Amino acid sequence: MLLESPSVYADDYHLLKDVKKVRKWPERIYIGTGTVNEPVKDSARLRALLQAAGLTSARLWRVQQEGGAHSEKWWAQRLPAALQFLFPAK
């Protein structure tokens, strides 16, 4: 699962509430954010909830790109690493 620049705050943090209800997770989850115009603390909260739900570092990766913004330019820069994590060579 790729969560690129997620709007965790949307609908009164509905995503964070839903995380607590999930019992079966995807094999791997990647969370990508920047530090400009992005709710960095929100994505950290999301990661903490996923870790509390049992996702280990082998299954969960959060990238916080210093200076990155909520735009296609920054998403494109993070995409290759995200794909390598989500679909590792066998």
N, C-alpha and C. Protein backbone atom coordinates (compact mmCIF):
# COMPACT_ATOMS: atom_id res chain seq x y z
N MET A 1 0.85 -1.17 0.00
CA MET A 1 0.00 0.00 0.00
C MET A 1 0.90 1.23 0.00
N LEU A 2 0.62 2.15 -0.87
CA LEU A 2 1.38 3.39 -0.98
C LEU A 2 0.51 4.53 -0.47
N LEU A 3 0.97 5.18 0.59
CA LEU A 3 0.31 6.37 1.13
C LEU A 3 1.25 7.54 0.89
N GLU A 4 1.06 8.21 -0.21
CA GLU A 4 1.94 9.29 -0.61
C GLU A 4 1.30 10.62 -0.25
N SER A 5 1.94 11.34 0.66
CA SER A 5 1.48 12.65 1.09
C SER A 5 0.02 12.57 1.58
N PRO A 6 -0.26 11.63 2.49
CA PRO A 6 -1.65 11.41 2.88
C PRO A 6 -2.23 12.57 3.69
N SER A 7 -3.49 12.86 3.44
CA SER A 7 -4.21 13.90 4.18
C SER A 7 -4.85 13.26 5.40
N VAL A 8 -4.03 12.95 6.36
CA VAL A 8 -4.47 12.23 7.55
C VAL A 8 -5.56 12.99 8.29
N TYR A 9 -5.50 14.31 8.24
CA TYR A 9 -6.44 15.16 8.96
C TYR A 9 -7.85 15.21 8.35
N ALA A 10 -8.02 14.71 7.14
CA ALA A 10 -9.30 14.81 6.44
C ALA A 10 -10.43 14.15 7.23
N ASP A 11 -11.57 14.73 7.15
CA ASP A 11 -12.78 14.21 7.79
C ASP A 11 -12.53 13.94 9.28
N ASP A 12 -11.96 14.94 9.94
CA ASP A 12 -11.71 14.86 11.38
C ASP A 12 -10.86 13.65 11.76
N TYR A 13 -9.79 13.42 11.01
CA TYR A 13 -8.84 12.33 11.27
C TYR A 13 -9.49 10.95 11.17
N HIS A 14 -10.38 10.82 10.21
CA HIS A 14 -11.09 9.55 10.03
C HIS A 14 -10.13 8.38 9.80
N LEU A 15 -9.06 8.63 9.06
CA LEU A 15 -8.09 7.57 8.78
C LEU A 15 -7.49 7.00 10.07
N LEU A 16 -7.14 7.88 10.99
CA LEU A 16 -6.56 7.40 12.25
C LEU A 16 -7.57 6.57 13.04
N LYS A 17 -8.82 6.94 12.96
CA LYS A 17 -9.87 6.17 13.65
C LYS A 17 -10.05 4.80 12.98
N ASP A 18 -9.98 4.77 11.66
CA ASP A 18 -10.15 3.51 10.93
C ASP A 18 -9.00 2.54 11.18
N VAL A 19 -7.79 3.07 11.33
CA VAL A 19 -6.62 2.22 11.55
C VAL A 19 -6.84 1.32 12.76
N LYS A 20 -7.49 1.85 13.76
CA LYS A 20 -7.69 1.09 15.00
C LYS A 20 -8.65 -0.09 14.82
N LYS A 21 -9.42 -0.09 13.73
CA LYS A 21 -10.40 -1.14 13.49
C LYS A 21 -9.90 -2.27 12.59
N VAL A 22 -8.82 -2.03 11.86
CA VAL A 22 -8.33 -2.99 10.88
C VAL A 22 -7.65 -4.17 11.57
N ARG A 23 -7.91 -5.36 11.08
CA ARG A 23 -7.30 -6.56 11.66
C ARG A 23 -6.32 -7.24 10.69
N LYS A 24 -6.48 -7.03 9.40
CA LYS A 24 -5.58 -7.64 8.40
C LYS A 24 -4.99 -6.52 7.55
N TRP A 25 -3.65 -6.46 7.52
CA TRP A 25 -2.95 -5.39 6.84
C TRP A 25 -2.28 -5.89 5.56
N PRO A 26 -2.04 -4.97 4.61
CA PRO A 26 -1.26 -5.34 3.43
C PRO A 26 0.13 -5.81 3.85
N GLU A 27 0.79 -6.52 2.98
CA GLU A 27 2.12 -7.04 3.28
C GLU A 27 3.11 -5.92 3.62
N ARG A 28 3.03 -4.81 2.90
CA ARG A 28 3.93 -3.68 3.12
C ARG A 28 3.17 -2.37 2.97
N ILE A 29 3.56 -1.38 3.76
CA ILE A 29 2.95 -0.05 3.69
C ILE A 29 4.06 0.98 3.67
N TYR A 30 3.99 1.87 2.70
CA TYR A 30 4.96 2.97 2.55
C TYR A 30 4.21 4.28 2.76
N ILE A 31 4.74 5.13 3.63
CA ILE A 31 4.17 6.46 3.86
C ILE A 31 5.23 7.48 3.45
N GLY A 32 4.92 8.31 2.48
CA GLY A 32 5.85 9.33 2.02
C GLY A 32 5.31 10.71 2.30
N THR A 33 6.15 11.57 2.89
CA THR A 33 5.77 12.95 3.15
C THR A 33 6.96 13.87 2.95
N GLY A 34 6.65 15.12 2.80
CA GLY A 34 7.68 16.16 2.79
C GLY A 34 7.61 16.90 4.10
N THR A 35 8.32 18.02 4.18
CA THR A 35 8.29 18.81 5.40
C THR A 35 7.72 20.21 5.17
N VAL A 36 7.39 20.53 3.93
CA VAL A 36 6.85 21.84 3.61
C VAL A 36 5.36 21.69 3.29
N ASN A 37 4.54 22.42 3.98
CA ASN A 37 3.09 22.40 3.75
C ASN A 37 2.48 21.01 3.93
N GLU A 38 3.07 20.20 4.76
CA GLU A 38 2.54 18.87 5.01
C GLU A 38 2.41 18.67 6.51
N PRO A 39 1.38 17.97 6.92
CA PRO A 39 1.23 17.68 8.35
C PRO A 39 2.13 16.52 8.78
N VAL A 40 3.40 16.83 9.04
CA VAL A 40 4.40 15.82 9.37
C VAL A 40 4.02 15.06 10.63
N LYS A 41 3.52 15.76 11.63
CA LYS A 41 3.14 15.10 12.88
C LYS A 41 2.00 14.11 12.65
N ASP A 42 1.11 14.43 11.72
CA ASP A 42 -0.01 13.52 11.41
C ASP A 42 0.49 12.20 10.85
N SER A 43 1.46 12.26 9.93
CA SER A 43 1.97 11.02 9.35
C SER A 43 2.76 10.22 10.39
N ALA A 44 3.40 10.92 11.32
CA ALA A 44 4.09 10.23 12.41
C ALA A 44 3.08 9.53 13.32
N ARG A 45 1.96 10.17 13.56
CA ARG A 45 0.90 9.54 14.36
C ARG A 45 0.36 8.30 13.66
N LEU A 46 0.18 8.40 12.34
CA LEU A 46 -0.30 7.26 11.57
C LEU A 46 0.68 6.10 11.68
N ARG A 47 1.96 6.38 11.51
CA ARG A 47 2.98 5.34 11.60
C ARG A 47 2.97 4.71 12.99
N ALA A 48 2.85 5.50 14.03
CA ALA A 48 2.83 4.97 15.39
C ALA A 48 1.64 4.04 15.60
N LEU A 49 0.50 4.40 15.05
CA LEU A 49 -0.68 3.53 15.16
C LEU A 49 -0.47 2.22 14.41
N LEU A 50 0.14 2.29 13.24
CA LEU A 50 0.40 1.08 12.47
C LEU A 50 1.41 0.19 13.19
N GLN A 51 2.40 0.79 13.81
CA GLN A 51 3.35 -0.01 14.58
C GLN A 51 2.66 -0.66 15.78
N ALA A 52 1.80 0.08 16.43
CA ALA A 52 1.05 -0.46 17.57
C ALA A 52 0.15 -1.61 17.14
N ALA A 53 -0.27 -1.58 15.87
CA ALA A 53 -1.12 -2.65 15.33
C ALA A 53 -0.30 -3.88 14.94
N GLY A 54 1.02 -3.79 15.10
CA GLY A 54 1.86 -4.95 14.86
C GLY A 54 2.70 -4.91 13.60
N LEU A 55 2.65 -3.83 12.84
CA LEU A 55 3.48 -3.75 11.63
C LEU A 55 4.92 -3.45 12.03
N THR A 56 5.82 -4.30 11.62
CA THR A 56 7.24 -4.14 11.93
C THR A 56 7.91 -3.25 10.89
N SER A 57 9.15 -2.88 11.14
CA SER A 57 9.87 -2.03 10.19
C SER A 57 10.08 -2.73 8.85
N ALA A 58 10.05 -4.04 8.82
CA ALA A 58 10.17 -4.77 7.56
C ALA A 58 8.92 -4.60 6.70
N ARG A 59 7.81 -4.25 7.32
CA ARG A 59 6.55 -4.12 6.59
C ARG A 59 6.09 -2.67 6.47
N LEU A 60 6.70 -1.77 7.22
CA LEU A 60 6.25 -0.38 7.28
C LEU A 60 7.44 0.55 7.12
N TRP A 61 7.31 1.46 6.16
CA TRP A 61 8.40 2.40 5.91
C TRP A 61 7.82 3.79 5.76
N ARG A 62 8.32 4.72 6.54
CA ARG A 62 7.89 6.11 6.45
C ARG A 62 9.08 6.95 6.04
N VAL A 63 8.94 7.70 4.95
CA VAL A 63 9.99 8.58 4.45
C VAL A 63 9.52 10.01 4.63
N GLN A 64 10.34 10.79 5.28
CA GLN A 64 10.06 12.21 5.46
C GLN A 64 11.14 12.98 4.72
N GLN A 65 10.81 13.54 3.58
CA GLN A 65 11.78 14.20 2.72
C GLN A 65 11.92 15.67 3.11
N GLU A 66 13.08 16.01 3.65
CA GLU A 66 13.34 17.38 4.09
C GLU A 66 13.19 18.34 2.92
N GLY A 67 12.38 19.37 3.10
CA GLY A 67 12.14 20.36 2.05
C GLY A 67 11.09 19.95 1.04
N GLY A 68 10.66 18.69 1.08
CA GLY A 68 9.65 18.21 0.15
C GLY A 68 8.30 18.85 0.41
N ALA A 69 7.53 19.01 -0.64
CA ALA A 69 6.21 19.63 -0.54
C ALA A 69 5.15 18.67 -1.08
N HIS A 70 3.92 19.09 -0.95
CA HIS A 70 2.78 18.31 -1.41
C HIS A 70 2.58 18.62 -2.90
N SER A 71 3.39 17.99 -3.75
CA SER A 71 3.29 18.23 -5.19
C SER A 71 3.87 17.05 -5.96
N GLU A 72 3.51 16.98 -7.23
CA GLU A 72 3.94 15.89 -8.08
C GLU A 72 5.46 15.79 -8.18
N LYS A 73 6.14 16.92 -8.17
CA LYS A 73 7.60 16.93 -8.25
C LYS A 73 8.21 16.09 -7.14
N TRP A 74 7.75 16.28 -5.92
CA TRP A 74 8.31 15.57 -4.77
C TRP A 74 7.83 14.13 -4.72
N TRP A 75 6.58 13.90 -5.10
CA TRP A 75 6.07 12.53 -5.13
C TRP A 75 6.90 11.69 -6.10
N ALA A 76 7.21 12.27 -7.25
CA ALA A 76 7.99 11.56 -8.27
C ALA A 76 9.38 11.21 -7.74
N GLN A 77 9.96 12.08 -6.95
CA GLN A 77 11.29 11.81 -6.40
C GLN A 77 11.26 10.64 -5.42
N ARG A 78 10.16 10.50 -4.68
CA ARG A 78 10.06 9.42 -3.70
C ARG A 78 9.56 8.11 -4.29
N LEU A 79 8.95 8.15 -5.45
CA LEU A 79 8.32 6.96 -6.02
C LEU A 79 9.27 5.78 -6.26
N PRO A 80 10.46 5.97 -6.83
CA PRO A 80 11.33 4.80 -7.05
C PRO A 80 11.63 4.03 -5.76
N ALA A 81 11.95 4.74 -4.67
CA ALA A 81 12.24 4.06 -3.40
C ALA A 81 10.98 3.37 -2.87
N ALA A 82 9.84 4.01 -3.05
CA ALA A 82 8.59 3.40 -2.60
C ALA A 82 8.32 2.09 -3.33
N LEU A 83 8.50 2.10 -4.64
CA LEU A 83 8.26 0.89 -5.43
C LEU A 83 9.25 -0.22 -5.07
N GLN A 84 10.50 0.15 -4.82
CA GLN A 84 11.49 -0.86 -4.42
C GLN A 84 11.11 -1.48 -3.09
N PHE A 85 10.60 -0.69 -2.17
CA PHE A 85 10.19 -1.22 -0.88
C PHE A 85 8.94 -2.09 -1.01
N LEU A 86 7.98 -1.62 -1.78
CA LEU A 86 6.71 -2.35 -1.91
C LEU A 86 6.83 -3.63 -2.72
N PHE A 87 7.74 -3.61 -3.70
CA PHE A 87 7.91 -4.77 -4.60
C PHE A 87 9.39 -5.17 -4.65
N PRO A 88 9.92 -5.72 -3.57
CA PRO A 88 11.35 -6.06 -3.55
C PRO A 88 11.68 -7.17 -4.54
N ALA A 89 12.89 -7.11 -5.05
CA ALA A 89 13.36 -8.16 -5.96
C ALA A 89 13.43 -9.47 -5.19
N LYS A 90 13.05 -10.54 -5.86
CA LYS A 90 13.06 -11.86 -5.19
C LYS A 90 14.24 -12.67 -5.64
